[in-house]
C-alpha atoms as a PDB file:
ATOM      1  CA  MET A   1      95.217 113.914  78.010  1.00  0.00           C
ATOM      2  CA  ALA A   2      98.434 112.466  79.416  1.00  0.00           C
ATOM      3  CA  LYS A   3     100.438 110.302  77.118  1.00  0.00           C
ATOM      4  CA  SER A   4     102.717 108.911  79.781  1.00  0.00           C
ATOM      5  CA  MET A   5     102.555 108.249  83.469  1.00  0.00           C
ATOM      6  CA  LEU A   6     105.070 107.488  86.216  1.00  0.00           C
ATOM      7  CA  VAL A   7     103.700 105.852  89.333  1.00  0.00           C
ATOM      8  CA  ILE A   8     105.873 106.362  92.416  1.00  0.00           C
ATOM      9  CA  SER A   9     105.425 103.838  95.158  1.00  0.00           C
ATOM     10  CA  ARG A  10     106.771 105.069  98.497  1.00  0.00           C
ATOM     11  CA  GLN A  11     105.180 102.663 101.018  1.00  0.00           C
ATOM     12  CA  GLY A  12     106.537  99.362 102.204  1.00  0.00           C
ATOM     13  CA  PRO A  13     104.604  96.254 101.105  1.00  0.00           C
ATOM     14  CA  TRP A  14     102.559  95.941 104.252  1.00  0.00           C
ATOM     15  CA  SER A  15     102.528  99.365 105.921  1.00  0.00           C
ATOM     16  CA  GLY A  16      99.115 100.141 104.456  1.00  0.00           C
ATOM     17  CA  PRO A  17      97.131 100.187 101.281  1.00  0.00           C
ATOM     18  CA  GLY A  18      99.598 102.451  99.354  1.00  0.00           C
ATOM     19  CA  ALA A  19     101.764  99.695  97.918  1.00  0.00           C
ATOM     20  CA  ARG A  20      98.928  97.730  96.512  1.00  0.00           C
ATOM     21  CA  GLU A  21      97.107 100.837  95.259  1.00  0.00           C
ATOM     22  CA  ALA A  22     100.229 101.890  93.410  1.00  0.00           C
ATOM     23  CA  LEU A  23     100.528  98.507  91.731  1.00  0.00           C
ATOM     24  CA  ASP A  24      96.787  98.579  90.858  1.00  0.00           C
ATOM     25  CA  ILE A  25      97.146 102.014  89.208  1.00  0.00           C
ATOM     26  CA  ALA A  26     100.129 100.876  87.207  1.00  0.00           C
ATOM     27  CA  LEU A  27      98.492  97.648  86.108  1.00  0.00           C
ATOM     28  CA  ALA A  28      95.204  99.511  85.159  1.00  0.00           C
ATOM     29  CA  GLY A  29      97.189 102.100  83.200  1.00  0.00           C
ATOM     30  CA  GLY A  30      98.125  99.359  80.695  1.00  0.00           C
ATOM     31  CA  ALA A  31      94.504  99.320  79.505  1.00  0.00           C
ATOM     32  CA  PHE A  32      94.775 102.947  78.405  1.00  0.00           C
ATOM     33  CA  ASP A  33      97.853 102.629  76.103  1.00  0.00           C
ATOM     34  CA  LEU A  34      99.843 105.014  78.103  1.00  0.00           C
ATOM     35  CA  GLU A  35     103.602 104.940  78.330  1.00  0.00           C
ATOM     36  CA  LEU A  36     104.006 103.677  81.852  1.00  0.00           C
ATOM     37  CA  GLY A  37     106.844 103.606  84.329  1.00  0.00           C
ATOM     38  CA  MET A  38     107.003 102.752  88.067  1.00  0.00           C
ATOM     39  CA  LEU A  39     109.463 104.123  90.488  1.00  0.00           C
ATOM     40  CA  PHE A  40     110.147 102.466  93.945  1.00  0.00           C
ATOM     41  CA  LEU A  41     111.248 105.107  96.282  1.00  0.00           C
ATOM     42  CA  ASP A  42     111.707 105.358 100.100  1.00  0.00           C
ATOM     43  CA  ASP A  43     110.098 102.361 101.804  1.00  0.00           C
ATOM     44  CA  GLY A  44     108.682 101.396  98.505  1.00  0.00           C
ATOM     45  CA  VAL A  45     111.964  99.683  97.628  1.00  0.00           C
ATOM     46  CA  LEU A  46     111.120  97.079 100.296  1.00  0.00           C
ATOM     47  CA  GLN A  47     108.547  95.655  97.852  1.00  0.00           C
ATOM     48  CA  LEU A  48     111.528  94.553  95.724  1.00  0.00           C
ATOM     49  CA  ALA A  49     113.161  92.431  98.428  1.00  0.00           C
ATOM     50  CA  ILE A  50     113.295  88.717  97.732  1.00  0.00           C
ATOM     51  CA  ASP A  51     112.007  85.972 100.029  1.00  0.00           C
ATOM     52  CA  GLN A  52     109.290  87.981 101.742  1.00  0.00           C
ATOM     53  CA  GLN A  53     107.023  86.100 103.907  1.00  0.00           C
ATOM     54  CA  PRO A  54     103.747  88.011 104.194  1.00  0.00           C
ATOM     55  CA  VAL A  55     101.805  85.084 105.555  1.00  0.00           C
ATOM     56  CA  HIS A  56     103.353  85.826 108.968  1.00  0.00           C
ATOM     57  CA  LEU A  57     101.597  89.138 108.797  1.00  0.00           C
ATOM     58  CA  GLU A  58      98.434  87.627 107.406  1.00  0.00           C
ATOM     59  CA  GLN A  59      98.924  89.585 104.242  1.00  0.00           C
ATOM     60  CA  LYS A  60      98.788  88.734 100.617  1.00  0.00           C
ATOM     61  CA  ASN A  61     102.088  88.443  98.747  1.00  0.00           C
ATOM     62  CA  LEU A  62     102.557  91.336  96.184  1.00  0.00           C
ATOM     63  CA  SER A  63     105.301  89.526  94.246  1.00  0.00           C
ATOM     64  CA  ALA A  64     102.880  88.141  91.664  1.00  0.00           C
ATOM     65  CA  ASN A  65     101.537  91.612  90.960  1.00  0.00           C
ATOM     66  CA  LEU A  66     105.095  92.965  90.696  1.00  0.00           C
ATOM     67  CA  GLN A  67     106.077  90.152  88.269  1.00  0.00           C
ATOM     68  CA  ALA A  68     102.981  91.031  86.134  1.00  0.00           C
ATOM     69  CA  LEU A  69     103.909  94.635  85.582  1.00  0.00           C
ATOM     70  CA  PRO A  70     105.810  94.039  82.284  1.00  0.00           C
ATOM     71  CA  MET A  71     102.899  91.907  80.894  1.00  0.00           C
ATOM     72  CA  PHE A  72     100.656  94.891  81.484  1.00  0.00           C
ATOM     73  CA  GLY A  73     102.896  97.360  79.652  1.00  0.00           C
ATOM     74  CA  VAL A  74     104.769  98.637  82.670  1.00  0.00           C
ATOM     75  CA  ASP A  75     108.214  97.734  81.490  1.00  0.00           C
ATOM     76  CA  GLN A  76     110.097 100.822  82.728  1.00  0.00           C
ATOM     77  CA  LEU A  77     110.881  99.998  86.340  1.00  0.00           C
ATOM     78  CA  PHE A  78     113.037 102.109  88.465  1.00  0.00           C
ATOM     79  CA  ALA A  79     114.369 102.163  92.072  1.00  0.00           C
ATOM     80  CA  SER A  80     116.182 104.890  93.998  1.00  0.00           C
ATOM     81  CA  ARG A  81     119.787 103.930  94.791  1.00  0.00           C
ATOM     82  CA  SER A  82     119.818 105.927  97.978  1.00  0.00           C
ATOM     83  CA  SER A  83     116.578 104.314  99.199  1.00  0.00           C
ATOM     84  CA  LEU A  84     118.026 100.861  98.527  1.00  0.00           C
ATOM     85  CA  VAL A  85     121.266 101.701 100.377  1.00  0.00           C
ATOM     86  CA  ARG A  86     119.340 103.218 103.416  1.00  0.00           C
ATOM     87  CA  ARG A  87     117.424 100.015 103.674  1.00  0.00           C
ATOM     88  CA  GLY A  88     120.374  97.648 103.248  1.00  0.00           C
ATOM     89  CA  LEU A  89     119.189  96.247  99.928  1.00  0.00           C
ATOM     90  CA  GLY A  90     121.760  95.626  97.133  1.00  0.00           C
ATOM     91  CA  GLU A  91     120.823  95.357  93.466  1.00  0.00           C
ATOM     92  CA  GLN A  92     121.598  91.564  93.458  1.00  0.00           C
ATOM     93  CA  SER A  93     118.981  91.048  96.219  1.00  0.00           C
ATOM     94  CA  LEU A  94     116.003  92.385  94.291  1.00  0.00           C
ATOM     95  CA  ALA A  95     113.190  90.107  93.148  1.00  0.00           C
ATOM     96  CA  LEU A  96     112.528  92.262  90.042  1.00  0.00           C
ATOM     97  CA  ALA A  97     114.772  93.702  87.440  1.00  0.00           C
ATOM     98  CA  VAL A  98     114.777  97.457  87.857  1.00  0.00           C
ATOM     99  CA  GLU A  99     116.983 100.305  86.721  1.00  0.00           C
ATOM    100  CA  VAL A 100     118.655 101.760  89.741  1.00  0.00           C
ATOM    101  CA  LEU A 101     118.920 105.591  89.625  1.00  0.00           C
ATOM    102  CA  ASP A 102     120.935 108.101  91.592  1.00  0.00           C
ATOM    103  CA  ASP A 103     119.284 111.162  93.055  1.00  0.00           C
ATOM    104  CA  ASP A 104     120.189 113.438  90.193  1.00  0.00           C
ATOM    105  CA  GLU A 105     118.885 110.896  87.674  1.00  0.00           C
ATOM    106  CA  LEU A 106     115.515 110.950  89.495  1.00  0.00           C
ATOM    107  CA  SER A 107     114.811 114.509  88.516  1.00  0.00           C
ATOM    108  CA  VAL A 108     115.439 113.722  84.909  1.00  0.00           C
ATOM    109  CA  LEU A 109     113.244 110.792  85.166  1.00  0.00           C
ATOM    110  CA  PHE A 110     110.260 112.970  86.394  1.00  0.00           C
ATOM    111  CA  GLU A 111     110.627 115.186  83.286  1.00  0.00           C
ATOM    112  CA  ARG A 112     110.197 112.228  80.989  1.00  0.00           C
ATOM    113  CA  PHE A 113     106.589 111.630  82.030  1.00  0.00           C
ATOM    114  CA  ASP A 114     103.560 113.775  81.358  1.00  0.00           C
ATOM    115  CA  GLN A 115     101.891 112.765  84.651  1.00  0.00           C
ATOM    116  CA  VAL A 116     103.359 111.623  87.998  1.00  0.00           C
ATOM    117  CA  VAL A 117     101.281 109.837  90.586  1.00  0.00           C
ATOM    118  CA  THR A 118     102.741 109.295  94.069  1.00  0.00           C
ATOM    119  CA  LEU A 119     101.368 106.805  96.656  1.00  0.00           C
END
C-alpha cells in the first residue's frame, strides 16, 4: 500500500471536472493518513490566481477547497515555475502559499512520493 501520494492538477479551474476532481482526491486522501502533496502544473496553476470570479461562468469558486487543503493534511503544495511564467502569474499573485519549483526540481519531487496521480 502506498505511504505517500502526490496529486498533480493540470487543468484550469473551469475547463472541466479535472481541477475539482484533483482537489477532491487530495482532500479525501487526508482520511487515509497518507503523506500528501499537490502539484499545480500547466493550466492547473490558474487555480492559484487571486481574484477569480467564477460567478460570471456560472461556476462554483474553488478557492475554499484550496484553502482547506492544509486542514486535511495536504500541506505540501507545489507549483511549476515555468507553468506560472507561461501564464503570466508571479509568485506574489497567488492566492495560496506554494513552493515554486523549477523543471529539474519537479523530477526530484516525483521521486519523493510512492504514488503519483495526474488529473
